[in-house]
Amino acid sequence: MSYPKVFNRPVKLGGHKRVINAITIQALQYDGSGKILLATGLTTPTGAGYAKGCLFIDTDAATGVKGLYENIGTTAAASFNLIGDIAASEIGLVEGSVLVGNSSAVAAALVGKTDEQILIGNGTTVVSVAVSGDITITNAGVVAIASGAIDLAMLSAGVAPSHVAKYAGKITWSGDGATLATAVAGVVAGDVVLATIQTKPTQAAYLVGVVPTTDTITIELSAANTGNDAVIAYQVLRAAA
């Protein structure tokens, strides 16, 4: 019995040079319809005459750079895509998730759509966490500072106040006299009280004094307001702590 001879030698594809759509390529193989199946060149081809799935080898690709392309277009309008590249549209991913490298150095899905949570790095990976502490955040990105979260120690020396406003209000005169003591809960003797006449009295008078004591503000006019029509506006300041 005789066996056919087997020639285990490389086949050299010489091909021939063609210019398609102003791009020069070396056509190496054709299909039965005369469409190019394999080509090489310096510029990624475009135009007609390339079979669907045609392979193009970019012989000018730099070291470490991929150079094999596939025609994912049509025979009438080639569109060569770099083999090995993945378009975002080709990745299956649940809505609201992102791809994050995991401890095995491969991509893994991370759910990033949890309501009112943020994505943040923790020194090892990216995690989705709820904002906590002195601020809150909505899913519209609106941030709010919690009441009482800022104290004097947090302010720089340039803006730190010596006093802060504690109370404010208006006092309508009563008692027909020149002096009126009014209860204002929380006031202490060490406070500073600023006062002004908002509605002047029928009897010509001006402020003579404003004295804070425990839970009380005492106002003195230069003359008795027998018409009881004066209105005194006040603001209580207290040393910042």
Protein backbone atom coordinates (compact mmCIF):
# COMPACT_ATOMS: atom_id res chain seq x y z
CA MET A 1 0.00 0.00 0.00
CA SER A 2 1.32 3.41 -0.87
CA TYR A 3 0.62 6.65 0.98
CA PRO A 4 0.55 10.20 -0.39
CA LYS A 5 3.55 12.25 0.39
CA VAL A 6 3.11 14.92 3.10
CA PHE A 7 5.05 18.13 2.67
CA ASN A 8 5.50 19.80 6.06
CA ARG A 9 6.83 23.01 4.69
CA PRO A 10 5.55 26.60 5.12
CA VAL A 11 3.59 28.13 2.28
CA LYS A 12 4.73 31.57 1.27
CA LEU A 13 1.87 33.91 0.38
CA GLY A 14 3.19 36.46 -2.02
CA GLY A 15 -0.06 38.06 -3.09
CA HIS A 16 -0.15 41.25 -5.08
CA LYS A 17 -0.43 44.94 -4.40
CA ARG A 18 -3.78 46.70 -4.70
CA VAL A 19 -5.02 50.22 -4.09
CA ILE A 20 -8.58 50.35 -2.75
CA ASN A 21 -10.16 53.60 -1.64
CA ALA A 22 -6.73 55.28 -1.92
CA ILE A 23 -5.22 52.77 0.55
CA THR A 24 -2.46 50.43 -0.62
CA ILE A 25 -2.66 46.84 0.63
CA GLN A 26 -1.11 43.47 -0.22
CA ALA A 27 -3.92 41.03 -1.04
CA LEU A 28 -2.86 37.51 -0.05
CA GLN A 29 -6.01 35.39 -0.37
CA TYR A 30 -9.40 35.61 -2.09
CA ASP A 31 -12.66 33.73 -1.67
CA GLY A 32 -14.60 32.10 -4.50
CA SER A 33 -16.33 35.40 -5.26
CA GLY A 34 -13.10 37.28 -5.68
CA LYS A 35 -13.37 39.09 -2.37
CA ILE A 36 -10.22 39.54 -0.34
CA LEU A 37 -9.92 37.13 2.63
CA LEU A 38 -6.48 38.09 3.88
CA ALA A 39 -4.41 41.23 3.37
CA THR A 40 -1.51 43.15 4.87
CA GLY A 41 -0.50 46.78 4.79
CA LEU A 42 0.39 49.91 6.69
CA THR A 43 -3.05 51.51 6.91
CA THR A 44 -6.33 49.93 8.05
CA PRO A 45 -8.41 49.43 4.88
CA THR A 46 -11.78 50.88 3.96
CA GLY A 47 -13.94 50.62 0.89
CA ALA A 48 -15.33 47.69 -1.12
CA GLY A 49 -13.95 44.30 -2.12
CA TYR A 50 -13.20 42.80 1.29
CA ALA A 51 -15.05 39.65 2.33
CA LYS A 52 -17.06 39.65 5.52
CA GLY A 53 -14.61 38.40 8.18
CA CYS A 54 -11.59 39.34 6.06
CA LEU A 55 -8.42 39.59 8.12
CA PHE A 56 -6.02 42.49 7.78
CA ILE A 57 -2.54 42.48 9.32
CA ASP A 58 -1.08 45.89 10.10
CA THR A 59 2.62 45.34 9.45
CA ASP A 60 3.43 48.78 10.83
CA ALA A 61 2.06 48.10 14.34
CA ALA A 62 4.56 49.00 17.05
CA THR A 63 6.02 46.45 19.44
CA GLY A 64 3.44 45.44 22.04
CA VAL A 65 0.58 46.86 19.95
CA LYS A 66 -2.08 44.61 18.40
CA GLY A 67 -2.16 44.57 14.61
CA LEU A 68 -4.80 42.03 13.52
CA TYR A 69 -8.12 43.38 12.28
CA GLU A 70 -11.39 41.77 11.12
CA ASN A 71 -13.90 43.18 8.66
CA ILE A 72 -17.15 43.48 10.62
CA GLY A 73 -18.69 45.60 7.89
CA THR A 74 -19.90 44.45 4.49
CA THR A 75 -18.27 43.59 1.17
CA ALA A 76 -19.48 46.96 -0.13
CA ALA A 77 -18.23 49.00 2.84
CA ALA A 78 -15.53 47.39 4.96
CA SER A 79 -15.18 48.26 8.62
CA PHE A 80 -12.12 46.69 10.22
CA ASN A 81 -12.21 46.18 13.97
CA LEU A 82 -9.08 45.42 16.00
CA ILE A 83 -9.35 41.81 17.17
CA GLY A 84 -9.16 41.59 20.94
CA ASP A 85 -10.74 44.99 21.51
CA ILE A 86 -14.13 44.94 23.21
CA ALA A 87 -16.68 47.67 22.66
CA ALA A 88 -18.75 48.80 25.63
CA SER A 89 -21.88 47.64 23.83
CA GLU A 90 -20.50 44.07 23.76
CA ILE A 91 -20.31 43.74 27.55
CA GLY A 92 -23.31 42.28 29.35
CA LEU A 93 -23.86 44.20 32.59
CA VAL A 94 -26.87 44.71 34.88
CA GLU A 95 -28.18 48.28 34.78
CA GLY A 96 -26.66 50.42 37.51
CA SER A 97 -23.54 48.26 37.84
CA VAL A 98 -19.91 49.05 37.01
CA LEU A 99 -16.89 46.86 36.31
CA VAL A 100 -14.20 46.87 38.99
CA GLY A 101 -10.98 44.89 39.12
CA ASN A 102 -11.16 42.31 41.90
CA SER A 103 -8.47 40.59 44.00
CA SER A 104 -7.87 38.10 41.18
CA ALA A 105 -7.11 40.97 38.80
CA VAL A 106 -10.20 40.33 36.68
CA ALA A 107 -13.26 42.50 36.10
CA ALA A 108 -16.23 41.98 38.41
CA ALA A 109 -19.60 43.73 38.52
CA LEU A 110 -20.21 46.15 41.38
CA VAL A 111 -23.76 47.36 42.04
CA GLY A 112 -23.60 51.14 42.08
CA LYS A 113 -27.31 52.01 42.02
CA THR A 114 -28.19 51.61 45.69
CA ASP A 115 -30.28 54.64 46.58
CA GLU A 116 -28.37 57.54 48.20
CA GLN A 117 -25.04 55.70 48.31
CA ILE A 118 -21.73 56.73 46.76
CA LEU A 119 -18.82 54.85 45.19
CA ILE A 120 -15.55 55.40 47.02
CA GLY A 121 -12.09 53.87 47.18
CA ASN A 122 -10.99 52.23 50.42
CA GLY A 123 -7.32 51.76 49.61
CA THR A 124 -7.89 48.30 48.16
CA THR A 125 -10.93 48.47 45.92
CA VAL A 126 -14.06 50.51 45.16
CA VAL A 127 -17.12 50.07 47.35
CA SER A 128 -20.65 51.44 47.49
CA VAL A 129 -21.39 53.00 50.87
CA ALA A 130 -23.99 55.22 52.52
CA VAL A 131 -22.91 58.71 53.53
CA SER A 132 -22.88 59.09 57.30
CA GLY A 133 -21.73 61.54 59.94
CA ASP A 134 -22.44 65.26 59.73
CA ILE A 135 -23.87 65.34 56.19
CA THR A 136 -26.61 63.68 54.18
CA ILE A 137 -26.95 63.33 50.43
CA THR A 138 -29.94 62.71 48.18
CA ASN A 139 -30.01 60.75 44.94
CA ALA A 140 -30.17 64.11 43.16
CA GLY A 141 -26.73 64.98 44.55
CA VAL A 142 -28.02 67.51 47.08
CA VAL A 143 -25.85 67.60 50.20
CA ALA A 144 -27.05 68.96 53.57
CA ILE A 145 -25.07 69.64 56.75
CA ALA A 146 -26.65 68.28 59.90
CA SER A 147 -27.91 70.77 62.49
CA GLY A 148 -25.24 71.58 65.07
CA ALA A 149 -22.52 69.85 63.07
CA ILE A 150 -20.27 72.94 62.86
CA ASP A 151 -18.72 74.31 66.03
CA LEU A 152 -16.33 77.14 66.73
CA ALA A 153 -13.25 74.91 66.64
CA MET A 154 -13.97 74.12 62.97
CA LEU A 155 -13.77 77.77 61.91
CA SER A 156 -10.50 79.39 60.92
CA ALA A 157 -9.16 82.22 63.06
CA GLY A 158 -10.08 84.70 60.36
CA VAL A 159 -13.81 84.01 60.62
CA ALA A 160 -14.20 82.75 64.19
CA PRO A 161 -16.64 85.15 65.94
CA SER A 162 -16.15 86.51 69.43
CA HIS A 163 -19.94 86.41 70.03
CA VAL A 164 -22.90 84.64 68.46
CA ALA A 165 -26.54 85.69 68.34
CA LYS A 166 -28.67 83.71 70.81
CA TYR A 167 -32.01 85.51 70.91
CA ALA A 168 -33.81 88.33 69.13
CA GLY A 169 -37.24 89.85 69.29
CA LYS A 170 -39.43 92.90 69.89
CA ILE A 171 -40.85 94.37 73.08
CA THR A 172 -43.98 96.55 73.06
CA TRP A 173 -43.93 99.04 75.93
CA SER A 174 -46.28 98.69 78.86
CA GLY A 175 -46.69 100.07 82.37
CA ASP A 176 -46.61 103.81 81.47
CA GLY A 177 -43.14 104.24 82.95
CA ALA A 178 -39.60 104.95 81.77
CA THR A 179 -38.31 101.50 82.75
CA LEU A 180 -39.61 98.12 81.61
CA ALA A 181 -38.39 94.64 82.62
CA THR A 182 -39.31 91.90 80.13
CA ALA A 183 -38.90 88.17 80.60
CA VAL A 184 -36.68 86.56 77.92
CA ALA A 185 -35.97 82.95 78.83
CA GLY A 186 -32.33 81.93 78.57
CA VAL A 187 -30.77 85.38 78.90
CA VAL A 188 -27.89 85.61 81.40
CA ALA A 189 -26.21 88.60 82.99
CA GLY A 190 -23.03 88.13 80.94
CA ASP A 191 -24.83 88.52 77.61
CA VAL A 192 -24.55 91.59 75.41
CA VAL A 193 -27.89 93.09 74.38
CA LEU A 194 -28.23 95.40 71.40
CA ALA A 195 -31.47 97.39 71.25
CA THR A 196 -33.03 100.05 69.10
CA ILE A 197 -36.32 101.94 69.04
CA GLN A 198 -38.30 100.48 66.15
CA THR A 199 -41.49 102.46 66.85
CA LYS A 200 -40.85 105.74 68.62
CA PRO A 201 -42.97 106.64 71.67
CA THR A 202 -45.52 109.43 71.61
CA GLN A 203 -43.57 111.08 74.40
CA ALA A 204 -40.18 112.15 73.07
CA ALA A 205 -37.70 109.68 74.53
CA TYR A 206 -34.56 107.80 73.69
CA LEU A 207 -32.87 104.69 75.00
CA VAL A 208 -30.86 105.23 78.13
CA GLY A 209 -29.92 101.66 79.01
CA VAL A 210 -30.44 97.97 78.28
CA VAL A 211 -29.45 95.56 81.06
CA PRO A 212 -29.53 91.74 80.89
CA THR A 213 -30.07 89.66 84.00
CA THR A 214 -31.13 86.05 84.39
CA ASP A 215 -34.08 85.46 82.02
CA THR A 216 -34.79 89.20 81.89
CA ILE A 217 -33.99 92.28 79.80
CA THR A 218 -34.58 95.66 81.46
CA ILE A 219 -34.91 98.68 79.17
CA GLU A 220 -34.80 102.30 80.27
CA LEU A 221 -36.05 105.32 78.30
CA SER A 222 -35.15 108.93 78.89
CA ALA A 223 -38.82 109.69 79.63
CA ALA A 224 -41.90 107.74 80.62
CA ASN A 225 -43.82 106.28 77.71
CA THR A 226 -47.32 106.88 79.08
CA GLY A 227 -48.78 106.09 75.65
CA ASN A 228 -47.33 102.57 75.83
CA ASP A 229 -46.70 102.69 72.09
CA ALA A 230 -42.94 102.32 71.85
CA VAL A 231 -41.61 99.13 70.25
CA ILE A 232 -38.07 98.12 71.12
CA ALA A 233 -36.19 95.60 68.94
CA TYR A 234 -33.40 93.66 70.60
CA GLN A 235 -30.69 91.10 69.87
CA VAL A 236 -28.88 89.08 72.52
CA LEU A 237 -25.24 88.14 71.84
CA ARG A 238 -23.25 85.60 73.83
CA ALA A 239 -19.53 84.96 73.91
CA ALA A 240 -18.65 82.15 71.51
CA ALA A 241 -17.57 78.95 73.19
